[in-house]
């Protein structure tokens, strides 16, 4: 009987691995929804067989008493297999959801010292495009007083004499920008003082923003994700920079996979406290929902489950 249990477990594990592999080789899983649903259903059936097989899950006498070493090996196998399945999708471009691109933007802003709640993606891009236009076409670096405007020949009033730029009215442009993006500006006694340091930090991530913008859903809306999620996004941004991934979303997916793996470990520990077999952890650890939603699509659910 012991040999039968080993063969059954090995067979189910191989079938689950092969099933995930068939999904991982799909270049765009959003174009193979029927296949994804069918394969996912097959994996769930295999996990159910694994759970309700008395030959596997009723091995309490060997897994929870005198053969404690085997119990640890069983838990280690579950975690190792869960990690393997998630790594299959780490470098995949998310095609089932585009939420991760918002995560990338929020994480990049917070990591660069900006408040991700201050701007919508469209506002941020528009502000940067305005600044780029001002610098390229008029060489404006947002002066603090009319005299500085005049020094650059851009317009203003000094000693009652009005000087105007025939190509651009920077005062009106600055006022309009201040009205639309008030947190970029602060009032001073001599006029509008621009937050140059903040601008430069935004400019550092401008190429990433311009790339991400077409991929973000509802770019006219500011982010809705809470502070704990924003910290996770920022950690993902740091991971992306440290590990030098080719895609900006890989850093966040790496962080979420690590958090999801830790959740699997917590589940096994809870099962141990409840004196239940570790094989029950496969209901979550090997299930296609967390594997595809967290490892494939990079959903924030991985962090939410971890914090719970």
C-alpha atoms as a PDB file:
ATOM      1  CA  UNK A   1       0.000   0.000   0.000  1.00  0.00           C
ATOM      2  CA  UNK A   2       2.855   2.363   0.746  1.00  0.00           C
ATOM      3  CA  UNK A   3       4.141   1.987  -2.818  1.00  0.00           C
ATOM      4  CA  UNK A   4       0.666   2.713  -4.164  1.00  0.00           C
ATOM      5  CA  UNK A   5       0.491   5.928  -2.124  1.00  0.00           C
ATOM      6  CA  UNK A   6       3.850   7.078  -3.447  1.00  0.00           C
ATOM      7  CA  UNK A   7       2.926   6.296  -7.055  1.00  0.00           C
ATOM      8  CA  UNK A   8      -0.473   8.007  -6.732  1.00  0.00           C
ATOM      9  CA  UNK A   9       1.059  11.162  -5.255  1.00  0.00           C
ATOM     10  CA  UNK A  10       3.786  11.227  -7.894  1.00  0.00           C
ATOM     11  CA  UNK A  11       1.267  10.747 -10.700  1.00  0.00           C
ATOM     12  CA  UNK A  12      -1.037  13.501  -9.467  1.00  0.00           C
ATOM     13  CA  UNK A  13       1.916  15.849  -8.957  1.00  0.00           C
ATOM     14  CA  UNK A  14       3.192  15.177 -12.469  1.00  0.00           C
ATOM     15  CA  UNK A  15      -0.240  15.750 -14.007  1.00  0.00           C
ATOM     16  CA  UNK A  16      -0.623  19.039 -12.142  1.00  0.00           C
ATOM     17  CA  UNK A  17       2.853  20.139 -13.209  1.00  0.00           C
ATOM     18  CA  UNK A  18       2.173  19.204 -16.831  1.00  0.00           C
ATOM     19  CA  UNK A  19      -1.177  21.027 -16.729  1.00  0.00           C
ATOM     20  CA  UNK A  20       0.456  24.241 -15.550  1.00  0.00           C
ATOM     21  CA  UNK A  21       3.167  23.806 -18.157  1.00  0.00           C
ATOM     22  CA  UNK A  22       0.560  23.723 -20.936  1.00  0.00           C
ATOM     23  CA  UNK A  23      -0.708  27.094 -19.679  1.00  0.00           C
ATOM     24  CA  UNK A  24       2.774  28.550 -19.233  1.00  0.00           C
ATOM     25  CA  UNK A  25       3.732  27.899 -22.866  1.00  0.00           C
ATOM     26  CA  UNK A  26       0.745  29.882 -24.139  1.00  0.00           C
ATOM     27  CA  UNK A  27       2.073  33.190 -25.538  1.00  0.00           C
ATOM     28  CA  UNK A  28      -1.197  34.966 -24.720  1.00  0.00           C
ATOM     29  CA  UNK A  29      -3.462  33.091 -22.368  1.00  0.00           C
ATOM     30  CA  UNK A  30      -6.246  35.640 -22.882  1.00  0.00           C
ATOM     31  CA  UNK A  31      -6.666  34.148 -26.364  1.00  0.00           C
ATOM     32  CA  UNK A  32      -7.008  30.652 -24.909  1.00  0.00           C
ATOM     33  CA  UNK A  33      -9.696  31.175 -22.267  1.00  0.00           C
ATOM     34  CA  UNK A  34     -11.417  27.864 -23.011  1.00  0.00           C
ATOM     35  CA  UNK A  35      -8.150  26.011 -22.566  1.00  0.00           C
ATOM     36  CA  UNK A  36      -7.370  27.897 -19.364  1.00  0.00           C
ATOM     37  CA  UNK A  37     -10.772  27.098 -17.850  1.00  0.00           C
ATOM     38  CA  UNK A  38     -10.562  23.451 -18.866  1.00  0.00           C
ATOM     39  CA  UNK A  39      -7.018  22.953 -17.584  1.00  0.00           C
ATOM     40  CA  UNK A  40      -7.817  24.812 -14.358  1.00  0.00           C
ATOM     41  CA  UNK A  41     -10.829  22.593 -13.786  1.00  0.00           C
ATOM     42  CA  UNK A  42      -8.697  19.514 -14.386  1.00  0.00           C
ATOM     43  CA  UNK A  43      -6.143  20.723 -11.821  1.00  0.00           C
ATOM     44  CA  UNK A  44      -8.891  21.298  -9.247  1.00  0.00           C
ATOM     45  CA  UNK A  45     -10.145  17.732  -9.800  1.00  0.00           C
ATOM     46  CA  UNK A  46      -6.623  16.381  -9.293  1.00  0.00           C
ATOM     47  CA  UNK A  47      -6.260  18.352  -6.065  1.00  0.00           C
ATOM     48  CA  UNK A  48      -9.625  16.991  -4.889  1.00  0.00           C
ATOM     49  CA  UNK A  49      -8.465  13.447  -5.629  1.00  0.00           C
ATOM     50  CA  UNK A  50      -5.320  14.164  -3.650  1.00  0.00           C
ATOM     51  CA  UNK A  51      -7.357  15.440  -0.710  1.00  0.00           C
ATOM     52  CA  UNK A  52      -9.976  12.755  -0.538  1.00  0.00           C
ATOM     53  CA  UNK A  53      -7.706   9.861  -1.252  1.00  0.00           C
ATOM     54  CA  UNK A  54      -7.663   7.903   1.989  1.00  0.00           C
ATOM     55  CA  UNK A  55      -4.346   6.390   0.971  1.00  0.00           C
ATOM     56  CA  UNK A  56      -2.744   9.869   1.025  1.00  0.00           C
ATOM     57  CA  UNK A  57      -4.567  12.068   3.512  1.00  0.00           C
ATOM     58  CA  UNK A  58      -5.264   9.342   6.044  1.00  0.00           C
ATOM     59  CA  UNK A  59      -1.586   8.677   6.542  1.00  0.00           C
ATOM     60  CA  UNK A  60      -1.771  10.394   9.914  1.00  0.00           C
ATOM     61  CA  UNK A  61      -0.119   7.572  11.681  1.00  0.00           C
ATOM     62  CA  UNK A  62       3.016   7.861   9.581  1.00  0.00           C
ATOM     63  CA  UNK A  63       3.012  11.592   8.973  1.00  0.00           C
ATOM     64  CA  UNK A  64       2.072  12.889  12.427  1.00  0.00           C
ATOM     65  CA  UNK A  65       3.557  10.430  14.867  1.00  0.00           C
ATOM     66  CA  UNK A  66       6.615   8.246  14.600  1.00  0.00           C
ATOM     67  CA  UNK A  67       7.694   9.400  11.130  1.00  0.00           C
ATOM     68  CA  UNK A  68       7.864  13.136  11.821  1.00  0.00           C
ATOM     69  CA  UNK A  69      10.719  13.499   9.368  1.00  0.00           C
ATOM     70  CA  UNK A  70       8.487  12.397   6.538  1.00  0.00           C
ATOM     71  CA  UNK A  71       5.958  15.001   7.572  1.00  0.00           C
ATOM     72  CA  UNK A  72       8.509  17.738   7.159  1.00  0.00           C
ATOM     73  CA  UNK A  73       9.501  16.308   3.785  1.00  0.00           C
ATOM     74  CA  UNK A  74       5.849  16.339   2.739  1.00  0.00           C
ATOM     75  CA  UNK A  75       5.478  20.009   3.727  1.00  0.00           C
ATOM     76  CA  UNK A  76       8.749  20.859   1.980  1.00  0.00           C
ATOM     77  CA  UNK A  77       7.564  19.145  -1.186  1.00  0.00           C
ATOM     78  CA  UNK A  78       4.292  21.071  -1.147  1.00  0.00           C
ATOM     79  CA  UNK A  79       6.110  24.412  -0.817  1.00  0.00           C
ATOM     80  CA  UNK A  80       8.790  23.553  -3.392  1.00  0.00           C
ATOM     81  CA  UNK A  81       6.149  22.480  -5.890  1.00  0.00           C
ATOM     82  CA  UNK A  82       4.099  25.628  -5.201  1.00  0.00           C
ATOM     83  CA  UNK A  83       7.160  27.815  -5.835  1.00  0.00           C
ATOM     84  CA  UNK A  84       7.940  25.958  -9.062  1.00  0.00           C
ATOM     85  CA  UNK A  85       4.427  26.488 -10.400  1.00  0.00           C
ATOM     86  CA  UNK A  86       4.549  30.193  -9.614  1.00  0.00           C
ATOM     87  CA  UNK A  87       7.974  30.688 -11.157  1.00  0.00           C
ATOM     88  CA  UNK A  88       6.588  29.344 -14.437  1.00  0.00           C
ATOM     89  CA  UNK A  89       4.625  32.594 -14.806  1.00  0.00           C
ATOM     90  CA  UNK A  90       7.006  35.102 -13.202  1.00  0.00           C
ATOM     91  CA  UNK A  91       8.323  36.576 -16.449  1.00  0.00           C
ATOM     92  CA  UNK A  92       5.033  36.323 -18.339  1.00  0.00           C
ATOM     93  CA  UNK A  93       3.439  39.542 -19.502  1.00  0.00           C
ATOM     94  CA  UNK A  94       0.070  39.898 -17.723  1.00  0.00           C
ATOM     95  CA  UNK A  95      -2.670  39.471 -20.302  1.00  0.00           C
ATOM     96  CA  UNK A  96      -5.674  38.555 -18.172  1.00  0.00           C
ATOM     97  CA  UNK A  97      -5.578  41.848 -16.261  1.00  0.00           C
ATOM     98  CA  UNK A  98      -3.876  45.218 -16.593  1.00  0.00           C
ATOM     99  CA  UNK A  99      -4.060  46.176 -12.899  1.00  0.00           C
ATOM    100  CA  UNK A 100      -0.343  45.568 -12.409  1.00  0.00           C
ATOM    101  CA  UNK A 101       0.557  48.564 -14.567  1.00  0.00           C
ATOM    102  CA  UNK A 102      -1.184  50.831 -12.068  1.00  0.00           C
ATOM    103  CA  UNK A 103       0.850  49.102  -9.342  1.00  0.00           C
ATOM    104  CA  UNK A 104       4.030  49.889 -11.272  1.00  0.00           C
ATOM    105  CA  UNK A 105       3.127  53.555 -11.577  1.00  0.00           C
ATOM    106  CA  UNK A 106       2.170  53.893  -7.909  1.00  0.00           C
ATOM    107  CA  UNK A 107       5.301  52.073  -6.808  1.00  0.00           C
ATOM    108  CA  UNK A 108       7.558  54.197  -8.998  1.00  0.00           C
ATOM    109  CA  UNK A 109       6.027  57.413  -7.669  1.00  0.00           C
ATOM    110  CA  UNK A 110       6.274  56.410  -4.008  1.00  0.00           C
ATOM    111  CA  UNK A 111       9.804  55.068  -4.455  1.00  0.00           C
ATOM    112  CA  UNK A 112      10.783  58.445  -5.931  1.00  0.00           C
ATOM    113  CA  UNK A 113       9.307  60.406  -3.037  1.00  0.00           C
ATOM    114  CA  UNK A 114       6.023  61.379  -4.703  1.00  0.00           C
ATOM    115  CA  UNK A 115       2.495  60.987  -3.370  1.00  0.00           C
ATOM    116  CA  UNK A 116       0.697  58.473  -5.627  1.00  0.00           C
ATOM    117  CA  UNK A 117      -2.680  59.920  -4.570  1.00  0.00           C
ATOM    118  CA  UNK A 118      -1.831  63.425  -5.814  1.00  0.00           C
ATOM    119  CA  UNK A 119      -2.237  62.903  -9.538  1.00  0.00           C
ATOM    120  CA  UNK A 120      -4.041  60.795 -12.042  1.00  0.00           C
ATOM    121  CA  UNK A 121      -1.793  59.209 -14.682  1.00  0.00           C
ATOM    122  CA  UNK A 122      -3.153  61.625 -17.279  1.00  0.00           C
ATOM    123  CA  UNK A 123      -2.446  64.653 -15.092  1.00  0.00           C
ATOM    124  CA  UNK A 124       1.074  63.512 -14.367  1.00  0.00           C
ATOM    125  CA  UNK A 125       1.864  62.895 -17.998  1.00  0.00           C
ATOM    126  CA  UNK A 126       0.300  66.198 -19.033  1.00  0.00           C
ATOM    127  CA  UNK A 127       2.329  68.069 -16.409  1.00  0.00           C
ATOM    128  CA  UNK A 128       5.538  66.446 -17.580  1.00  0.00           C
ATOM    129  CA  UNK A 129       4.748  67.138 -21.221  1.00  0.00           C
ATOM    130  CA  UNK A 130       4.111  70.787 -20.383  1.00  0.00           C
ATOM    131  CA  UNK A 131       7.403  71.065 -18.571  1.00  0.00           C
ATOM    132  CA  UNK A 132       9.206  69.384 -21.444  1.00  0.00           C
ATOM    133  CA  UNK A 133       7.557  71.764 -23.904  1.00  0.00           C
ATOM    134  CA  UNK A 134       8.440  74.798 -21.802  1.00  0.00           C
ATOM    135  CA  UNK A 135      12.049  73.726 -21.531  1.00  0.00           C
ATOM    136  CA  UNK A 136      12.513  72.766 -25.140  1.00  0.00           C
ATOM    137  CA  UNK A 137      10.641  75.598 -26.823  1.00  0.00           C
ATOM    138  CA  UNK A 138      11.111  78.481 -24.408  1.00  0.00           C
ATOM    139  CA  UNK A 139      13.866  77.340 -22.040  1.00  0.00           C
ATOM    140  CA  UNK A 140      11.684  78.142 -19.065  1.00  0.00           C
ATOM    141  CA  UNK A 141      12.713  76.803 -15.678  1.00  0.00           C
ATOM    142  CA  UNK A 142       9.749  78.259 -13.829  1.00  0.00           C
ATOM    143  CA  UNK A 143      11.166  81.536 -12.450  1.00  0.00           C
ATOM    144  CA  UNK A 144      10.168  82.828  -9.055  1.00  0.00           C
ATOM    145  CA  UNK A 145       9.585  86.496  -9.945  1.00  0.00           C
ATOM    146  CA  UNK A 146       8.699  88.784 -12.875  1.00  0.00           C
ATOM    147  CA  UNK A 147      12.275  90.075 -12.936  1.00  0.00           C
ATOM    148  CA  UNK A 148      13.540  86.574 -13.584  1.00  0.00           C
ATOM    149  CA  UNK A 149      11.000  86.275 -16.372  1.00  0.00           C
ATOM    150  CA  UNK A 150      12.410  89.426 -17.906  1.00  0.00           C
ATOM    151  CA  UNK A 151      15.977  88.263 -17.500  1.00  0.00           C
ATOM    152  CA  UNK A 152      15.094  85.321 -19.700  1.00  0.00           C
ATOM    153  CA  UNK A 153      13.122  87.482 -22.098  1.00  0.00           C
ATOM    154  CA  UNK A 154       9.974  85.548 -21.367  1.00  0.00           C
ATOM    155  CA  UNK A 155       7.748  88.365 -20.217  1.00  0.00           C
ATOM    156  CA  UNK A 156       6.846  90.055 -16.979  1.00  0.00           C
ATOM    157  CA  UNK A 157       6.780  93.536 -15.534  1.00  0.00           C
ATOM    158  CA  UNK A 158       9.725  95.446 -14.083  1.00  0.00           C
ATOM    159  CA  UNK A 159       9.495  99.094 -12.975  1.00  0.00           C
ATOM    160  CA  UNK A 160       6.109  99.438 -14.610  1.00  0.00           C
ATOM    161  CA  UNK A 161       7.380  98.190 -17.980  1.00  0.00           C
ATOM    162  CA  UNK A 162       5.564  95.155 -19.340  1.00  0.00           C
ATOM    163  CA  UNK A 163       7.669  92.685 -21.291  1.00  0.00           C
ATOM    164  CA  UNK A 164       5.946  89.894 -23.196  1.00  0.00           C
ATOM    165  CA  UNK A 165       7.122  86.858 -25.060  1.00  0.00           C
ATOM    166  CA  UNK A 166       5.477  86.858 -28.501  1.00  0.00           C
ATOM    167  CA  UNK A 167       5.418  83.062 -28.590  1.00  0.00           C
ATOM    168  CA  UNK A 168       4.297  82.201 -25.107  1.00  0.00           C
ATOM    169  CA  UNK A 169       2.678  83.763 -22.070  1.00  0.00           C
ATOM    170  CA  UNK A 170       4.468  81.914 -19.275  1.00  0.00           C
ATOM    171  CA  UNK A 171       2.576  83.664 -16.480  1.00  0.00           C
ATOM    172  CA  UNK A 172      -0.747  82.396 -17.739  1.00  0.00           C
ATOM    173  CA  UNK A 173       0.744  78.977 -18.404  1.00  0.00           C
ATOM    174  CA  UNK A 174       2.151  78.793 -14.906  1.00  0.00           C
ATOM    175  CA  UNK A 175      -1.122  79.969 -13.380  1.00  0.00           C
ATOM    176  CA  UNK A 176      -3.015  77.332 -15.308  1.00  0.00           C
ATOM    177  CA  UNK A 177      -0.569  74.657 -14.209  1.00  0.00           C
ATOM    178  CA  UNK A 178      -0.803  75.821 -10.617  1.00  0.00           C
ATOM    179  CA  UNK A 179      -4.583  75.636 -10.744  1.00  0.00           C
ATOM    180  CA  UNK A 180      -4.572  72.107 -12.150  1.00  0.00           C
ATOM    181  CA  UNK A 181      -1.679  70.758 -10.060  1.00  0.00           C
ATOM    182  CA  UNK A 182      -1.642  72.789  -6.831  1.00  0.00           C
ATOM    183  CA  UNK A 183       0.574  70.356  -4.904  1.00  0.00           C
ATOM    184  CA  UNK A 184       3.430  71.056  -7.306  1.00  0.00           C
ATOM    185  CA  UNK A 185       3.496  74.700  -6.259  1.00  0.00           C
ATOM    186  CA  UNK A 186       3.893  76.667  -3.053  1.00  0.00           C
ATOM    187  CA  UNK A 187       3.137  80.333  -2.522  1.00  0.00           C
ATOM    188  CA  UNK A 188       5.875  82.811  -1.611  1.00  0.00           C
ATOM    189  CA  UNK A 189       6.069  86.563  -1.128  1.00  0.00           C
ATOM    190  CA  UNK A 190       7.702  87.084  -4.501  1.00  0.00           C
ATOM    191  CA  UNK A 191       5.402  84.901  -6.573  1.00  0.00           C
ATOM    192  CA  UNK A 192       5.148  81.220  -7.424  1.00  0.00           C
ATOM    193  CA  UNK A 193       7.968  79.005  -6.274  1.00  0.00           C
ATOM    194  CA  UNK A 194       8.196  75.756  -8.113  1.00  0.00           C
ATOM    195  CA  UNK A 195       9.198  72.503  -6.407  1.00  0.00           C
ATOM    196  CA  UNK A 196      12.223  71.797  -8.607  1.00  0.00           C
ATOM    197  CA  UNK A 197      13.334  68.788  -6.593  1.00  0.00           C
ATOM    198  CA  UNK A 198       9.899  67.230  -6.842  1.00  0.00           C
ATOM    199  CA  UNK A 199       9.823  67.903 -10.568  1.00  0.00           C
ATOM    200  CA  UNK A 200      13.182  66.260 -11.107  1.00  0.00           C
ATOM    201  CA  UNK A 201      12.074  63.163  -9.220  1.00  0.00           C
ATOM    202  CA  UNK A 202       9.005  62.989 -11.444  1.00  0.00           C
ATOM    203  CA  UNK A 203      11.172  63.497 -14.514  1.00  0.00           C
ATOM    204  CA  UNK A 204      13.309  60.519 -13.499  1.00  0.00           C
ATOM    205  CA  UNK A 205      10.336  58.197 -13.838  1.00  0.00           C
ATOM    206  CA  UNK A 206       8.815  60.005 -16.814  1.00  0.00           C
ATOM    207  CA  UNK A 207       9.974  57.386 -19.398  1.00  0.00           C
ATOM    208  CA  UNK A 208       8.305  54.687 -17.321  1.00  0.00           C
ATOM    209  CA  UNK A 209       5.128  56.718 -16.973  1.00  0.00           C
ATOM    210  CA  UNK A 210       4.928  57.376 -20.696  1.00  0.00           C
ATOM    211  CA  UNK A 211       5.318  53.653 -21.331  1.00  0.00           C
ATOM    212  CA  UNK A 212       2.813  52.591 -18.703  1.00  0.00           C
ATOM    213  CA  UNK A 213       0.145  55.195 -19.461  1.00  0.00           C
ATOM    214  CA  UNK A 214      -1.451  53.427 -22.468  1.00  0.00           C
ATOM    215  CA  UNK A 215      -1.622  50.229 -20.405  1.00  0.00           C
ATOM    216  CA  UNK A 216      -3.334  51.673 -17.310  1.00  0.00           C
ATOM    217  CA  UNK A 217      -7.096  51.348 -17.133  1.00  0.00           C
ATOM    218  CA  UNK A 218      -9.029  54.482 -16.207  1.00  0.00           C
ATOM    219  CA  UNK A 219      -5.983  56.785 -16.388  1.00  0.00           C
ATOM    220  CA  UNK A 220      -8.256  59.723 -15.600  1.00  0.00           C
ATOM    221  CA  UNK A 221      -8.694  58.424 -12.030  1.00  0.00           C
ATOM    222  CA  UNK A 222      -6.243  58.600  -9.135  1.00  0.00           C
ATOM    223  CA  UNK A 223      -5.171  55.378  -7.486  1.00  0.00           C
ATOM    224  CA  UNK A 224      -7.576  53.653  -5.106  1.00  0.00           C
ATOM    225  CA  UNK A 225      -5.112  51.316  -3.392  1.00  0.00           C
ATOM    226  CA  UNK A 226      -4.511  51.741   0.373  1.00  0.00           C
ATOM    227  CA  UNK A 227      -1.164  52.625   1.991  1.00  0.00           C
ATOM    228  CA  UNK A 228      -0.182  49.005   2.738  1.00  0.00           C
ATOM    229  CA  UNK A 229      -0.594  48.191  -0.956  1.00  0.00           C
ATOM    230  CA  UNK A 230       1.407  51.281  -1.920  1.00  0.00           C
ATOM    231  CA  UNK A 231       4.292  50.130   0.271  1.00  0.00           C
ATOM    232  CA  UNK A 232       4.172  46.748  -1.459  1.00  0.00           C
ATOM    233  CA  UNK A 233       4.292  48.460  -4.850  1.00  0.00           C
ATOM    234  CA  UNK A 234       7.270  50.567  -3.776  1.00  0.00           C
ATOM    235  CA  UNK A 235       9.122  47.458  -2.555  1.00  0.00           C
ATOM    236  CA  UNK A 236       8.433  45.914  -5.945  1.00  0.00           C
ATOM    237  CA  UNK A 237       9.915  48.990  -7.610  1.00  0.00           C
ATOM    238  CA  UNK A 238      13.047  48.717  -5.470  1.00  0.00           C
ATOM    239  CA  UNK A 239      13.273  44.998  -6.293  1.00  0.00           C
ATOM    240  CA  UNK A 240      12.971  45.774  -9.974  1.00  0.00           C
ATOM    241  CA  UNK A 241      15.795  48.312  -9.755  1.00  0.00           C
ATOM    242  CA  UNK A 242      18.016  46.047  -7.644  1.00  0.00           C
ATOM    243  CA  UNK A 243      17.550  42.952  -9.789  1.00  0.00           C
ATOM    244  CA  UNK A 244      17.521  44.899 -13.073  1.00  0.00           C
ATOM    245  CA  UNK A 245      14.554  43.118 -14.617  1.00  0.00           C
ATOM    246  CA  UNK A 246      13.714  43.842 -18.226  1.00  0.00           C
ATOM    247  CA  UNK A 247      10.052  44.475 -17.433  1.00  0.00           C
ATOM    248  CA  UNK A 248       8.890  46.883 -14.729  1.00  0.00           C
ATOM    249  CA  UNK A 249       6.179  44.505 -13.509  1.00  0.00           C
ATOM    250  CA  UNK A 250       8.580  41.644 -12.717  1.00  0.00           C
ATOM    251  CA  UNK A 251       9.765  43.245  -9.475  1.00  0.00           C
ATOM    252  CA  UNK A 252       6.225  43.551  -8.119  1.00  0.00           C
ATOM    253  CA  UNK A 253       5.386  40.004  -9.212  1.00  0.00           C
ATOM    254  CA  UNK A 254       8.501  38.745  -7.416  1.00  0.00           C
ATOM    255  CA  UNK A 255       7.437  40.430  -4.175  1.00  0.00           C
ATOM    256  CA  UNK A 256       3.882  39.087  -4.484  1.00  0.00           C
ATOM    257  CA  UNK A 257       5.096  35.535  -5.167  1.00  0.00           C
ATOM    258  CA  UNK A 258       7.319  35.672  -2.084  1.00  0.00           C
ATOM    259  CA  UNK A 259       4.397  36.888   0.027  1.00  0.00           C
ATOM    260  CA  UNK A 260       2.124  34.213  -1.429  1.00  0.00           C
ATOM    261  CA  UNK A 261       4.706  31.517  -0.661  1.00  0.00           C
ATOM    262  CA  UNK A 262       4.889  32.749   2.927  1.00  0.00           C
ATOM    263  CA  UNK A 263       1.101  32.465   3.075  1.00  0.00           C
ATOM    264  CA  UNK A 264       1.424  28.815   2.051  1.00  0.00           C
ATOM    265  CA  UNK A 265       3.925  28.286   4.877  1.00  0.00           C
ATOM    266  CA  UNK A 266       1.526  29.904   7.356  1.00  0.00           C
ATOM    267  CA  UNK A 267      -1.269  27.609   6.169  1.00  0.00           C
ATOM    268  CA  UNK A 268       0.912  24.543   6.760  1.00  0.00           C
ATOM    269  CA  UNK A 269       1.788  25.813  10.229  1.00  0.00           C
ATOM    270  CA  UNK A 270      -1.892  26.355  11.030  1.00  0.00           C
ATOM    271  CA  UNK A 271      -2.649  22.817   9.862  1.00  0.00           C
ATOM    272  CA  UNK A 272       0.120  21.547  12.120  1.00  0.00           C
ATOM    273  CA  UNK A 273      -1.396  23.390  15.098  1.00  0.00           C
ATOM    274  CA  UNK A 274      -4.774  21.847  14.281  1.00  0.00           C
ATOM    275  CA  UNK A 275      -3.176  18.391  13.932  1.00  0.00           C
ATOM    276  CA  UNK A 276      -4.306  18.112  10.334  1.00  0.00           C
ATOM    277  CA  UNK A 277      -2.226  16.630   7.493  1.00  0.00           C
ATOM    278  CA  UNK A 278      -0.076  19.046   5.512  1.00  0.00           C
ATOM    279  CA  UNK A 279      -1.596  17.779   2.264  1.00  0.00           C
ATOM    280  CA  UNK A 280      -4.611  20.013   2.930  1.00  0.00           C
ATOM    281  CA  UNK A 281      -2.374  22.996   2.148  1.00  0.00           C
ATOM    282  CA  UNK A 282      -2.390  21.970  -1.523  1.00  0.00           C
ATOM    283  CA  UNK A 283      -5.991  23.201  -1.695  1.00  0.00           C
ATOM    284  CA  UNK A 284      -4.504  26.688  -1.751  1.00  0.00           C
ATOM    285  CA  UNK A 285      -0.827  26.220  -2.614  1.00  0.00           C
ATOM    286  CA  UNK A 286      -1.457  24.294  -5.836  1.00  0.00           C
ATOM    287  CA  UNK A 287      -4.821  25.785  -6.773  1.00  0.00           C
ATOM    288  CA  UNK A 288      -4.912  27.567 -10.172  1.00  0.00           C
ATOM    289  CA  UNK A 289      -6.683  30.643  -8.774  1.00  0.00           C
ATOM    290  CA  UNK A 290      -3.768  31.990  -6.687  1.00  0.00           C
ATOM    291  CA  UNK A 291      -1.197  30.674  -9.141  1.00  0.00           C
ATOM    292  CA  UNK A 292      -2.730  32.429 -12.155  1.00  0.00           C
ATOM    293  CA  UNK A 293      -4.064  35.532 -10.412  1.00  0.00           C
ATOM    294  CA  UNK A 294      -0.946  36.279  -8.363  1.00  0.00           C
ATOM    295  CA  UNK A 295       1.973  34.756 -10.287  1.00  0.00           C
ATOM    296  CA  UNK A 296       0.568  35.241 -13.783  1.00  0.00           C
ATOM    297  CA  UNK A 297      -1.455  38.458 -13.465  1.00  0.00           C
ATOM    298  CA  UNK A 298       0.409  39.964 -10.497  1.00  0.00           C
ATOM    299  CA  UNK A 299      -2.712  40.824  -8.509  1.00  0.00           C
ATOM    300  CA  UNK A 300      -2.380  42.496  -5.134  1.00  0.00           C
ATOM    301  CA  UNK A 301      -4.390  39.618  -3.624  1.00  0.00           C
ATOM    302  CA  UNK A 302      -1.057  37.964  -2.846  1.00  0.00           C
ATOM    303  CA  UNK A 303      -0.255  40.750  -0.395  1.00  0.00           C
ATOM    304  CA  UNK A 304      -3.828  40.931   0.930  1.00  0.00           C
ATOM    305  CA  UNK A 305      -3.867  37.225   1.820  1.00  0.00           C
ATOM    306  CA  UNK A 306      -0.432  37.520   3.412  1.00  0.00           C
ATOM    307  CA  UNK A 307      -1.490  40.412   5.662  1.00  0.00           C
ATOM    308  CA  UNK A 308      -4.674  38.577   6.631  1.00  0.00           C
END
